[in-house]
């Protein structure tokens, strides 16, 4: 049973494989971190979201912020996804769902009357001290990366 995280809570630490090596929240201590959870590599909404964050990668970097996308896809799948779309965000592979559970984004979904468990599209903004500052749940992709960037700007 996971408890629902809220702004002001310490961000759960994690370590998971990435396409270019392990990714850990602790690696970015002292920097703002954006973690966005998405259902599946190379699907329409997930690709748009990754491309929108990539389009703003330099702006996030100017603020010393790191952007990490997380799904249950393998590191190899992430590498293909990254290469195909020239993505500039880190992608973490949470195959066992541990991080997804700790962040409370493994939820019951309902599509065409069929209920199933899946990843809720959600984003967490973590400040340089490791505290969650803002959470977006049930994210609508259009305009989201810009909204997150504005929130990172507001941290200073």
N, C-alpha and C. Protein backbone atom coordinates (compact mmCIF):
# COMPACT_ATOMS: atom_id res chain seq x y z
N UNK A 1 0.86 -1.20 0.00
CA UNK A 1 0.00 0.00 0.00
C UNK A 1 0.89 1.24 0.00
N UNK A 2 0.69 2.10 -0.96
CA UNK A 2 1.48 3.33 -1.02
C UNK A 2 0.65 4.47 -0.46
N UNK A 3 1.35 5.39 0.18
CA UNK A 3 0.66 6.59 0.64
C UNK A 3 0.84 7.64 -0.45
N UNK A 4 -0.14 8.47 -0.59
CA UNK A 4 -0.10 9.49 -1.63
C UNK A 4 0.91 10.58 -1.25
N UNK A 5 1.86 10.81 -2.12
CA UNK A 5 2.84 11.87 -1.89
C UNK A 5 2.20 13.22 -2.11
N UNK A 6 2.69 14.21 -1.37
CA UNK A 6 2.19 15.58 -1.49
C UNK A 6 3.37 16.54 -1.56
N UNK A 7 3.12 17.74 -2.08
CA UNK A 7 4.15 18.78 -2.07
C UNK A 7 4.57 19.00 -0.62
N UNK A 8 5.88 19.11 -0.41
CA UNK A 8 6.43 19.28 0.93
C UNK A 8 7.01 17.99 1.49
N UNK A 9 6.63 16.84 0.90
CA UNK A 9 7.18 15.56 1.33
C UNK A 9 8.59 15.38 0.76
N UNK A 10 9.45 14.64 1.48
CA UNK A 10 10.75 14.29 0.89
C UNK A 10 10.51 13.34 -0.29
N UNK A 11 11.25 13.53 -1.36
CA UNK A 11 11.11 12.67 -2.54
C UNK A 11 11.72 11.31 -2.24
N UNK A 12 11.00 10.23 -2.53
CA UNK A 12 11.58 8.89 -2.34
C UNK A 12 12.82 8.72 -3.23
N UNK A 13 13.90 8.26 -2.62
CA UNK A 13 15.12 8.02 -3.39
C UNK A 13 14.90 6.80 -4.28
N UNK A 14 15.72 6.67 -5.30
CA UNK A 14 15.61 5.52 -6.19
C UNK A 14 16.93 5.32 -6.90
N UNK A 15 17.09 4.14 -7.42
CA UNK A 15 18.17 3.81 -8.35
C UNK A 15 17.57 2.84 -9.35
N UNK A 16 17.82 3.08 -10.62
CA UNK A 16 17.29 2.21 -11.67
C UNK A 16 18.18 2.30 -12.89
N UNK A 17 18.10 1.30 -13.76
CA UNK A 17 18.90 1.35 -14.98
C UNK A 17 18.38 2.44 -15.92
N UNK A 18 19.31 3.04 -16.64
CA UNK A 18 18.98 3.97 -17.71
C UNK A 18 19.65 3.47 -18.98
N UNK A 19 19.38 4.08 -20.10
CA UNK A 19 19.97 3.60 -21.36
C UNK A 19 21.48 3.85 -21.39
N UNK A 20 21.96 4.79 -20.55
CA UNK A 20 23.40 5.07 -20.55
C UNK A 20 24.02 4.87 -19.17
N UNK A 21 23.41 3.99 -18.37
CA UNK A 21 23.94 3.68 -17.05
C UNK A 21 22.90 3.94 -15.97
N UNK A 22 23.25 3.61 -14.72
CA UNK A 22 22.29 3.76 -13.62
C UNK A 22 21.87 5.21 -13.39
N UNK A 23 20.62 5.38 -12.96
CA UNK A 23 20.08 6.69 -12.62
C UNK A 23 19.62 6.62 -11.17
N UNK A 24 20.07 7.59 -10.39
CA UNK A 24 19.70 7.64 -8.98
C UNK A 24 19.36 9.08 -8.62
N UNK A 25 18.34 9.27 -7.80
CA UNK A 25 17.98 10.61 -7.37
C UNK A 25 19.16 11.26 -6.63
N UNK A 26 19.87 10.46 -5.84
CA UNK A 26 21.01 10.96 -5.08
C UNK A 26 22.12 11.56 -5.95
N UNK A 27 22.19 11.12 -7.21
CA UNK A 27 23.21 11.65 -8.13
C UNK A 27 23.00 13.14 -8.42
N UNK A 28 21.80 13.64 -8.15
CA UNK A 28 21.45 15.01 -8.52
C UNK A 28 21.18 15.88 -7.30
N UNK A 29 21.69 15.46 -6.15
CA UNK A 29 21.53 16.26 -4.93
C UNK A 29 22.07 17.66 -5.19
N UNK A 30 21.34 18.66 -4.74
CA UNK A 30 21.76 20.05 -4.96
C UNK A 30 21.24 20.65 -6.25
N UNK A 31 20.50 19.86 -7.02
CA UNK A 31 19.93 20.34 -8.29
C UNK A 31 18.44 20.06 -8.31
N UNK A 32 17.66 20.90 -8.99
CA UNK A 32 16.25 20.57 -9.20
C UNK A 32 16.14 19.35 -10.12
N UNK A 33 15.17 18.49 -9.83
CA UNK A 33 14.94 17.29 -10.64
C UNK A 33 13.46 17.24 -11.02
N UNK A 34 13.22 16.99 -12.29
CA UNK A 34 11.87 16.76 -12.80
C UNK A 34 11.79 15.29 -13.15
N UNK A 35 10.87 14.57 -12.50
CA UNK A 35 10.65 13.17 -12.83
C UNK A 35 9.25 13.09 -13.44
N UNK A 36 9.21 12.62 -14.69
CA UNK A 36 7.88 12.43 -15.28
C UNK A 36 7.69 10.94 -15.57
N UNK A 37 6.54 10.44 -15.16
CA UNK A 37 6.19 9.05 -15.35
C UNK A 37 5.28 8.96 -16.57
N UNK A 38 5.54 7.99 -17.44
CA UNK A 38 4.75 7.84 -18.65
C UNK A 38 4.51 6.36 -18.93
N UNK A 39 3.42 6.03 -19.62
CA UNK A 39 3.06 4.62 -19.78
C UNK A 39 3.99 3.77 -20.65
N UNK A 40 4.40 4.25 -21.83
CA UNK A 40 5.10 3.34 -22.75
C UNK A 40 5.91 4.10 -23.78
N UNK A 41 7.15 3.60 -24.02
CA UNK A 41 8.01 4.17 -25.06
C UNK A 41 7.33 4.14 -26.42
N UNK A 42 7.58 5.20 -27.20
CA UNK A 42 7.23 5.25 -28.62
C UNK A 42 5.74 5.08 -28.90
N UNK A 43 4.90 5.56 -27.98
CA UNK A 43 3.47 5.66 -28.24
C UNK A 43 3.17 7.14 -28.44
N UNK A 44 2.06 7.50 -29.06
CA UNK A 44 1.85 8.90 -29.45
C UNK A 44 1.99 9.93 -28.32
N UNK A 45 1.25 9.78 -27.24
CA UNK A 45 1.31 10.77 -26.16
C UNK A 45 2.67 10.80 -25.48
N UNK A 46 3.24 9.62 -25.28
CA UNK A 46 4.54 9.54 -24.59
C UNK A 46 5.65 10.13 -25.46
N UNK A 47 5.57 9.92 -26.76
CA UNK A 47 6.56 10.50 -27.67
C UNK A 47 6.44 12.01 -27.68
N UNK A 48 5.22 12.53 -27.76
CA UNK A 48 5.01 13.98 -27.74
C UNK A 48 5.56 14.59 -26.46
N UNK A 49 5.28 13.94 -25.32
CA UNK A 49 5.76 14.46 -24.04
C UNK A 49 7.30 14.49 -24.01
N UNK A 50 7.94 13.40 -24.44
CA UNK A 50 9.40 13.34 -24.45
C UNK A 50 9.98 14.39 -25.40
N UNK A 51 9.35 14.58 -26.55
CA UNK A 51 9.83 15.59 -27.51
C UNK A 51 9.65 17.01 -26.96
N UNK A 52 8.55 17.26 -26.22
CA UNK A 52 8.32 18.58 -25.62
C UNK A 52 9.37 18.88 -24.55
N UNK A 53 9.70 17.88 -23.72
CA UNK A 53 10.76 18.10 -22.72
C UNK A 53 12.12 18.28 -23.42
N UNK A 54 12.35 17.51 -24.49
CA UNK A 54 13.60 17.64 -25.24
C UNK A 54 13.73 19.02 -25.87
N UNK A 55 12.63 19.56 -26.40
CA UNK A 55 12.66 20.89 -27.02
C UNK A 55 13.06 21.97 -26.02
N UNK A 56 12.83 21.70 -24.73
CA UNK A 56 13.17 22.68 -23.68
C UNK A 56 14.40 22.25 -22.87
N UNK A 57 15.12 21.26 -23.37
CA UNK A 57 16.26 20.71 -22.62
C UNK A 57 17.29 21.79 -22.26
N UNK A 58 17.59 22.68 -23.20
CA UNK A 58 18.57 23.73 -22.91
C UNK A 58 18.06 24.68 -21.83
N UNK A 59 16.76 24.96 -21.83
CA UNK A 59 16.19 25.84 -20.81
C UNK A 59 16.27 25.20 -19.43
N UNK A 60 15.99 23.89 -19.36
CA UNK A 60 16.11 23.18 -18.08
C UNK A 60 17.58 23.17 -17.65
N UNK A 61 18.49 22.91 -18.59
CA UNK A 61 19.92 22.88 -18.28
C UNK A 61 20.41 24.24 -17.77
N UNK A 62 19.90 25.33 -18.35
CA UNK A 62 20.27 26.68 -17.90
C UNK A 62 19.89 26.91 -16.45
N UNK A 63 18.88 26.17 -15.97
CA UNK A 63 18.44 26.27 -14.57
C UNK A 63 19.07 25.17 -13.71
N UNK A 64 20.04 24.44 -14.29
CA UNK A 64 20.74 23.33 -13.63
C UNK A 64 19.79 22.20 -13.24
N UNK A 65 18.66 22.10 -13.94
CA UNK A 65 17.66 21.07 -13.64
C UNK A 65 17.87 19.87 -14.55
N UNK A 66 17.60 18.69 -14.00
CA UNK A 66 17.67 17.46 -14.77
C UNK A 66 16.25 16.93 -14.96
N UNK A 67 15.98 16.39 -16.15
CA UNK A 67 14.66 15.82 -16.46
C UNK A 67 14.83 14.33 -16.70
N UNK A 68 14.03 13.54 -15.96
CA UNK A 68 14.10 12.09 -16.05
C UNK A 68 12.70 11.54 -16.35
N UNK A 69 12.57 10.81 -17.44
CA UNK A 69 11.34 10.11 -17.76
C UNK A 69 11.43 8.68 -17.24
N UNK A 70 10.35 8.18 -16.66
CA UNK A 70 10.36 6.83 -16.08
C UNK A 70 9.15 6.04 -16.60
N UNK A 71 9.43 4.81 -17.05
CA UNK A 71 8.37 3.87 -17.42
C UNK A 71 8.87 2.47 -17.06
N UNK A 72 8.03 1.46 -17.33
CA UNK A 72 8.43 0.08 -17.07
C UNK A 72 9.18 -0.54 -18.25
N UNK A 73 9.39 0.23 -19.32
CA UNK A 73 10.12 -0.28 -20.46
C UNK A 73 11.57 -0.57 -20.08
N UNK A 74 12.20 -1.49 -20.81
CA UNK A 74 13.59 -1.86 -20.54
C UNK A 74 14.55 -0.73 -20.96
N UNK A 75 15.77 -0.80 -20.45
CA UNK A 75 16.80 0.17 -20.84
C UNK A 75 17.05 0.08 -22.35
N UNK A 76 17.00 -1.12 -22.91
CA UNK A 76 17.20 -1.28 -24.36
C UNK A 76 16.07 -0.60 -25.14
N UNK A 77 14.84 -0.73 -24.66
CA UNK A 77 13.72 -0.04 -25.30
C UNK A 77 13.91 1.47 -25.22
N UNK A 78 14.35 1.94 -24.04
CA UNK A 78 14.61 3.38 -23.87
C UNK A 78 15.67 3.86 -24.86
N UNK A 79 16.72 3.07 -25.05
CA UNK A 79 17.80 3.47 -25.96
C UNK A 79 17.26 3.60 -27.39
N UNK A 80 16.43 2.65 -27.82
CA UNK A 80 15.83 2.73 -29.16
C UNK A 80 14.93 3.96 -29.27
N UNK A 81 14.12 4.21 -28.25
CA UNK A 81 13.22 5.36 -28.20
C UNK A 81 14.02 6.66 -28.27
N UNK A 82 15.08 6.75 -27.46
CA UNK A 82 15.92 7.94 -27.43
C UNK A 82 16.57 8.17 -28.79
N UNK A 83 17.15 7.11 -29.35
CA UNK A 83 17.85 7.24 -30.63
C UNK A 83 16.89 7.60 -31.77
N UNK A 84 15.73 6.96 -31.81
CA UNK A 84 14.76 7.20 -32.88
C UNK A 84 14.30 8.65 -32.91
N UNK A 85 14.12 9.26 -31.72
CA UNK A 85 13.56 10.61 -31.65
C UNK A 85 14.58 11.65 -31.20
N UNK A 86 15.85 11.25 -31.08
CA UNK A 86 16.93 12.16 -30.67
C UNK A 86 16.57 12.89 -29.37
N UNK A 87 16.16 12.11 -28.38
CA UNK A 87 15.70 12.68 -27.11
C UNK A 87 16.87 13.17 -26.27
N UNK A 88 16.63 14.26 -25.55
CA UNK A 88 17.67 14.86 -24.70
C UNK A 88 17.30 14.76 -23.23
N UNK A 89 16.44 13.82 -22.88
CA UNK A 89 16.08 13.61 -21.48
C UNK A 89 16.61 12.24 -21.06
N UNK A 90 16.87 12.09 -19.78
CA UNK A 90 17.26 10.79 -19.25
C UNK A 90 16.01 9.92 -19.16
N UNK A 91 16.18 8.62 -19.38
CA UNK A 91 15.06 7.69 -19.30
C UNK A 91 15.43 6.56 -18.36
N UNK A 92 14.63 6.38 -17.32
CA UNK A 92 14.86 5.33 -16.34
C UNK A 92 13.94 4.15 -16.57
N UNK A 93 14.50 2.94 -16.41
CA UNK A 93 13.75 1.71 -16.59
C UNK A 93 13.38 1.13 -15.23
N UNK A 94 12.08 1.19 -14.91
CA UNK A 94 11.57 0.67 -13.64
C UNK A 94 10.76 -0.59 -13.91
N UNK A 95 11.44 -1.62 -14.46
CA UNK A 95 10.75 -2.84 -14.89
C UNK A 95 9.95 -3.50 -13.78
N UNK A 96 10.46 -3.49 -12.55
CA UNK A 96 9.75 -4.14 -11.44
C UNK A 96 8.69 -3.23 -10.80
N UNK A 97 8.66 -1.97 -11.22
CA UNK A 97 7.63 -1.05 -10.74
C UNK A 97 7.86 -0.49 -9.35
N UNK A 98 9.05 -0.68 -8.79
CA UNK A 98 9.32 -0.22 -7.43
C UNK A 98 9.20 1.30 -7.29
N UNK A 99 9.83 2.03 -8.20
CA UNK A 99 9.79 3.50 -8.13
C UNK A 99 8.38 4.00 -8.44
N UNK A 100 7.75 3.38 -9.42
CA UNK A 100 6.38 3.74 -9.79
C UNK A 100 5.44 3.59 -8.60
N UNK A 101 5.62 2.51 -7.84
CA UNK A 101 4.82 2.29 -6.63
C UNK A 101 5.11 3.35 -5.57
N UNK A 102 6.42 3.61 -5.33
CA UNK A 102 6.78 4.56 -4.27
C UNK A 102 6.29 5.97 -4.56
N UNK A 103 6.17 6.30 -5.84
CA UNK A 103 5.67 7.63 -6.20
C UNK A 103 4.14 7.63 -6.37
N UNK A 104 3.52 6.47 -6.17
CA UNK A 104 2.05 6.38 -6.17
C UNK A 104 1.41 6.58 -7.53
N UNK A 105 2.11 6.19 -8.60
CA UNK A 105 1.55 6.40 -9.94
C UNK A 105 1.14 5.09 -10.63
N UNK A 106 1.14 3.97 -9.89
CA UNK A 106 0.61 2.70 -10.41
C UNK A 106 -0.84 2.67 -9.98
N UNK A 107 -1.74 2.90 -10.91
CA UNK A 107 -3.15 3.13 -10.57
C UNK A 107 -4.07 2.28 -11.43
N UNK A 108 -5.31 2.16 -10.97
CA UNK A 108 -6.33 1.49 -11.77
C UNK A 108 -6.79 2.46 -12.85
N UNK A 109 -6.80 1.97 -14.07
CA UNK A 109 -7.25 2.76 -15.21
C UNK A 109 -8.50 2.11 -15.79
N UNK A 110 -9.20 2.86 -16.59
CA UNK A 110 -10.43 2.37 -17.18
C UNK A 110 -10.47 2.84 -18.63
N UNK A 111 -10.44 1.89 -19.56
CA UNK A 111 -10.53 2.24 -20.97
C UNK A 111 -11.61 1.41 -21.63
N UNK A 112 -12.58 2.08 -22.20
CA UNK A 112 -13.70 1.40 -22.87
C UNK A 112 -14.36 0.39 -21.93
N UNK A 113 -14.49 0.76 -20.66
CA UNK A 113 -15.15 -0.09 -19.68
C UNK A 113 -14.29 -1.21 -19.12
N UNK A 114 -13.05 -1.32 -19.61
CA UNK A 114 -12.15 -2.36 -19.11
C UNK A 114 -11.21 -1.75 -18.07
N UNK A 115 -11.19 -2.32 -16.88
CA UNK A 115 -10.32 -1.83 -15.82
C UNK A 115 -9.00 -2.60 -15.83
N UNK A 116 -7.91 -1.89 -15.63
CA UNK A 116 -6.58 -2.51 -15.60
C UNK A 116 -5.64 -1.60 -14.82
N UNK A 117 -4.51 -2.14 -14.41
CA UNK A 117 -3.51 -1.35 -13.69
C UNK A 117 -2.50 -0.80 -14.70
N UNK A 118 -2.11 0.44 -14.49
CA UNK A 118 -1.15 1.07 -15.38
C UNK A 118 -0.54 2.30 -14.75
N UNK A 119 0.38 2.89 -15.47
CA UNK A 119 1.08 4.09 -14.99
C UNK A 119 0.24 5.32 -15.27
N UNK A 120 -0.01 6.09 -14.22
CA UNK A 120 -0.66 7.39 -14.38
C UNK A 120 0.39 8.37 -14.90
N UNK A 121 0.06 9.10 -15.95
CA UNK A 121 0.98 10.12 -16.46
C UNK A 121 1.04 11.23 -15.39
N UNK A 122 2.20 11.34 -14.76
CA UNK A 122 2.34 12.29 -13.65
C UNK A 122 3.77 12.83 -13.65
N UNK A 123 3.94 14.04 -13.09
CA UNK A 123 5.25 14.69 -13.02
C UNK A 123 5.46 15.21 -11.61
N UNK A 124 6.69 15.06 -11.14
CA UNK A 124 7.09 15.52 -9.81
C UNK A 124 8.26 16.49 -9.97
N UNK A 125 8.15 17.65 -9.35
CA UNK A 125 9.24 18.62 -9.32
C UNK A 125 9.87 18.54 -7.93
N UNK A 126 11.15 18.20 -7.90
CA UNK A 126 11.89 18.03 -6.65
C UNK A 126 12.94 19.14 -6.58
N UNK A 127 13.00 19.84 -5.44
CA UNK A 127 13.96 20.93 -5.32
C UNK A 127 15.36 20.40 -5.00
N UNK A 128 16.31 21.32 -4.89
CA UNK A 128 17.71 20.97 -4.68
C UNK A 128 17.95 20.27 -3.35
N UNK A 129 17.01 20.38 -2.42
CA UNK A 129 17.14 19.73 -1.12
C UNK A 129 16.43 18.37 -1.07
N UNK A 130 15.86 17.95 -2.18
CA UNK A 130 15.20 16.64 -2.23
C UNK A 130 13.76 16.65 -1.77
N UNK A 131 13.14 17.84 -1.76
CA UNK A 131 11.75 17.98 -1.32
C UNK A 131 10.85 18.15 -2.55
N UNK A 132 9.74 17.43 -2.55
CA UNK A 132 8.78 17.58 -3.65
C UNK A 132 8.13 18.96 -3.53
N UNK A 133 8.24 19.76 -4.58
CA UNK A 133 7.67 21.10 -4.56
C UNK A 133 6.34 21.19 -5.30
N UNK A 134 6.17 20.34 -6.32
CA UNK A 134 4.92 20.38 -7.08
C UNK A 134 4.70 19.01 -7.71
N UNK A 135 3.42 18.63 -7.79
CA UNK A 135 3.03 17.37 -8.42
C UNK A 135 1.92 17.65 -9.42
N UNK A 136 2.10 17.12 -10.61
CA UNK A 136 1.04 17.18 -11.62
C UNK A 136 0.55 15.75 -11.81
N UNK A 137 -0.72 15.51 -11.64
CA UNK A 137 -1.30 14.18 -11.83
C UNK A 137 -2.24 14.22 -13.04
N UNK A 138 -2.45 13.05 -13.64
CA UNK A 138 -3.32 12.95 -14.82
C UNK A 138 -2.96 14.02 -15.85
N UNK A 139 -1.69 14.08 -16.16
CA UNK A 139 -1.14 15.12 -17.04
C UNK A 139 -1.75 15.05 -18.43
N UNK A 140 -2.11 16.21 -18.93
CA UNK A 140 -2.46 16.38 -20.34
C UNK A 140 -1.17 16.89 -21.00
N UNK A 141 -0.70 16.21 -22.02
CA UNK A 141 0.62 16.46 -22.59
C UNK A 141 0.78 17.87 -23.15
N UNK A 142 -0.22 18.38 -23.86
CA UNK A 142 -0.11 19.67 -24.53
C UNK A 142 0.18 20.79 -23.52
N UNK A 143 1.32 21.45 -23.70
CA UNK A 143 1.70 22.59 -22.86
C UNK A 143 2.33 22.20 -21.53
N UNK A 144 2.39 20.91 -21.22
CA UNK A 144 2.86 20.48 -19.90
C UNK A 144 4.33 20.80 -19.66
N UNK A 145 5.21 20.51 -20.62
CA UNK A 145 6.65 20.75 -20.41
C UNK A 145 6.92 22.23 -20.13
N UNK A 146 6.20 23.12 -20.80
CA UNK A 146 6.36 24.55 -20.55
C UNK A 146 5.90 24.94 -19.17
N UNK A 147 4.82 24.33 -18.70
CA UNK A 147 4.32 24.60 -17.36
C UNK A 147 5.33 24.12 -16.31
N UNK A 148 5.93 22.96 -16.54
CA UNK A 148 6.94 22.44 -15.61
C UNK A 148 8.17 23.36 -15.61
N UNK A 149 8.58 23.80 -16.79
CA UNK A 149 9.73 24.72 -16.87
C UNK A 149 9.45 25.99 -16.08
N UNK A 150 8.26 26.55 -16.20
CA UNK A 150 7.89 27.75 -15.42
C UNK A 150 7.99 27.48 -13.93
N UNK A 151 7.58 26.29 -13.50
CA UNK A 151 7.64 25.94 -12.07
C UNK A 151 9.09 25.81 -11.61
N UNK A 152 9.96 25.28 -12.45
CA UNK A 152 11.38 25.19 -12.09
C UNK A 152 11.96 26.61 -11.96
N UNK A 153 11.58 27.49 -12.87
CA UNK A 153 12.04 28.89 -12.78
C UNK A 153 11.61 29.51 -11.45
N UNK A 154 10.44 29.12 -10.96
CA UNK A 154 9.91 29.67 -9.72
C UNK A 154 10.58 29.16 -8.47
N UNK A 155 11.46 28.16 -8.60
CA UNK A 155 12.16 27.63 -7.42
C UNK A 155 13.21 28.59 -6.88
N UNK A 156 13.77 29.41 -7.74
CA UNK A 156 14.89 30.26 -7.29
C UNK A 156 14.44 31.45 -6.47
